[in-house]
Amino acid sequence: MTFNTAIDAATTTPTTAAAEEQAQTLAVLHEIRDELRDFNKDMDRLNALTEDQVKSTVENRKLTALTLMFVIPSTFAAIPGANFEHLNEYGFDNFFALPVLLGTVLAASLGTFVFVKKKGWL
């Protein structure tokens, strides 16, 4: 083996090894880039799904609040059956039965409205 071939072998071997190492590093970096792109796409899909769920939750809260505001008066109206002549069991055997019932319904509805408004559902 001559001196020149030894130098060529010494210089080519590390260069080839360095090139292989550089190629491996580049391949790993490409793989990491692809994984990060996939991760970013997944996060975008998750973000869109979360935004849709938030919109749905807000809409459901509004519907719940409106339902509450209509259920309370319906319940109060269903109890006496709008028959104010014979309501001895409820103590409504006087002239003030209808105003008391309507006042109670109004107060309960307004109370529900205030509660729902403070919660931010409307």
Protein backbone atom coordinates (compact mmCIF):
# COMPACT_ATOMS: atom_id res chain seq x y z
CA MET A 1 0.00 0.00 0.00
CA THR A 2 1.45 3.26 -1.00
CA PHE A 3 1.23 6.45 0.91
CA ASN A 4 -1.23 8.04 -1.53
CA THR A 5 -3.67 5.11 -1.41
CA ALA A 6 -3.56 5.16 2.39
CA ILE A 7 -4.36 8.86 2.41
CA ASP A 8 -7.14 8.32 -0.11
CA ALA A 9 -8.58 5.51 2.00
CA ALA A 10 -8.33 7.59 5.16
CA THR A 11 -9.97 10.61 3.60
CA THR A 12 -12.67 8.71 1.72
CA THR A 13 -13.73 6.54 4.62
CA PRO A 14 -14.57 9.41 6.99
CA THR A 15 -16.17 11.32 4.17
CA THR A 16 -18.35 8.36 3.30
CA ALA A 17 -19.14 7.81 6.97
CA ALA A 18 -19.89 11.49 7.42
CA ALA A 19 -22.08 11.44 4.33
CA GLU A 20 -23.96 8.41 5.64
CA GLU A 21 -24.37 10.05 9.03
CA GLN A 22 -25.53 13.24 7.36
CA ALA A 23 -28.00 11.27 5.23
CA GLN A 24 -29.34 9.51 8.35
CA THR A 25 -29.68 12.82 10.17
CA LEU A 26 -31.44 14.32 7.18
CA ALA A 27 -33.80 11.33 7.00
CA VAL A 28 -34.59 11.70 10.73
CA LEU A 29 -35.22 15.41 10.28
CA HIS A 30 -37.56 14.72 7.33
CA GLU A 31 -39.41 12.17 9.44
CA ILE A 32 -39.73 14.65 12.31
CA ARG A 33 -40.98 17.32 9.88
CA ASP A 34 -43.62 14.92 8.51
CA GLU A 35 -44.70 13.93 12.01
CA LEU A 36 -45.00 17.59 13.02
CA ARG A 37 -47.09 18.33 9.91
CA ASP A 38 -49.42 15.44 10.76
CA PHE A 39 -49.58 16.63 14.36
CA ASN A 40 -50.41 20.16 13.19
CA LYS A 41 -53.20 18.85 10.95
CA ASP A 42 -54.59 16.81 13.86
CA MET A 43 -54.49 19.85 16.13
CA ASP A 44 -56.31 21.94 13.50
CA ARG A 45 -59.03 19.27 13.28
CA LEU A 46 -59.29 19.15 17.07
CA ASN A 47 -59.51 22.94 17.24
CA ALA A 48 -62.33 22.99 14.69
CA LEU A 49 -64.15 20.25 16.60
CA THR A 50 -63.74 22.13 19.88
CA GLU A 51 -65.06 25.35 18.34
CA ASP A 52 -68.10 23.46 17.04
CA GLN A 53 -68.71 21.99 20.49
CA VAL A 54 -68.47 25.43 22.11
CA LYS A 55 -71.02 26.81 19.63
CA SER A 56 -73.28 23.85 20.31
CA THR A 57 -72.95 24.33 24.07
CA VAL A 58 -73.87 28.01 23.80
CA GLU A 59 -76.91 27.18 21.66
CA ASN A 60 -77.99 24.45 24.11
CA ARG A 61 -77.71 26.87 27.03
CA LYS A 62 -79.92 29.38 25.26
CA LEU A 63 -82.51 26.73 24.48
CA THR A 64 -82.40 25.50 28.07
CA ALA A 65 -82.93 29.02 29.36
CA LEU A 66 -85.88 29.59 27.06
CA THR A 67 -87.36 26.24 28.06
CA LEU A 68 -87.00 27.15 31.73
CA MET A 69 -88.77 30.43 31.17
CA PHE A 70 -91.74 28.70 29.53
CA VAL A 71 -91.91 25.66 31.83
CA ILE A 72 -92.37 27.65 35.02
CA PRO A 73 -95.49 29.54 33.88
CA SER A 74 -96.88 26.34 32.34
CA THR A 75 -96.41 24.50 35.61
CA PHE A 76 -98.14 27.19 37.63
CA ALA A 77 -100.98 27.34 35.11
CA ALA A 78 -101.39 23.56 35.18
CA ILE A 79 -101.70 23.29 38.97
CA PRO A 80 -105.06 24.96 39.39
CA GLY A 81 -106.22 24.14 35.87
CA ALA A 82 -107.45 27.74 35.49
CA ASN A 83 -110.55 26.86 37.54
CA PHE A 84 -110.75 29.54 40.22
CA GLU A 85 -114.21 28.75 41.50
CA HIS A 86 -113.45 25.54 43.38
CA LEU A 87 -109.88 25.67 44.60
CA ASN A 88 -110.40 25.14 48.31
CA GLU A 89 -107.53 22.65 48.50
CA TYR A 90 -105.10 25.38 47.36
CA GLY A 91 -106.63 28.14 49.44
CA PHE A 92 -107.68 30.10 46.35
CA ASP A 93 -111.32 30.50 47.29
CA ASN A 94 -111.36 34.27 47.04
CA PHE A 95 -111.23 37.15 44.64
CA PHE A 96 -107.43 37.50 44.73
CA ALA A 97 -106.72 33.98 43.47
CA LEU A 98 -106.00 34.95 39.86
CA PRO A 99 -103.84 37.99 40.65
CA VAL A 100 -101.85 36.00 43.23
CA LEU A 101 -101.28 33.15 40.78
CA LEU A 102 -100.32 35.50 37.94
CA GLY A 103 -98.03 37.46 40.24
CA THR A 104 -96.34 34.26 41.37
CA VAL A 105 -95.88 33.14 37.77
CA LEU A 106 -94.49 36.53 36.81
CA ALA A 107 -92.11 36.61 39.79
CA ALA A 108 -90.88 33.08 39.10
CA SER A 109 -90.36 33.87 35.42
CA LEU A 110 -88.50 37.08 36.16
CA GLY A 111 -86.40 35.30 38.77
CA THR A 112 -85.51 32.64 36.25
CA PHE A 113 -84.70 35.30 33.66
CA VAL A 114 -82.38 37.11 36.08
CA PHE A 115 -80.70 33.84 37.08
CA VAL A 116 -80.15 32.83 33.47
CA LYS A 117 -78.91 36.29 32.51
CA LYS A 118 -76.38 36.29 35.38
CA LYS A 119 -75.14 32.86 34.27
CA GLY A 120 -74.63 34.29 30.78
CA TRP A 121 -76.87 31.78 29.06
CA LEU A 122 -78.80 34.48 27.21
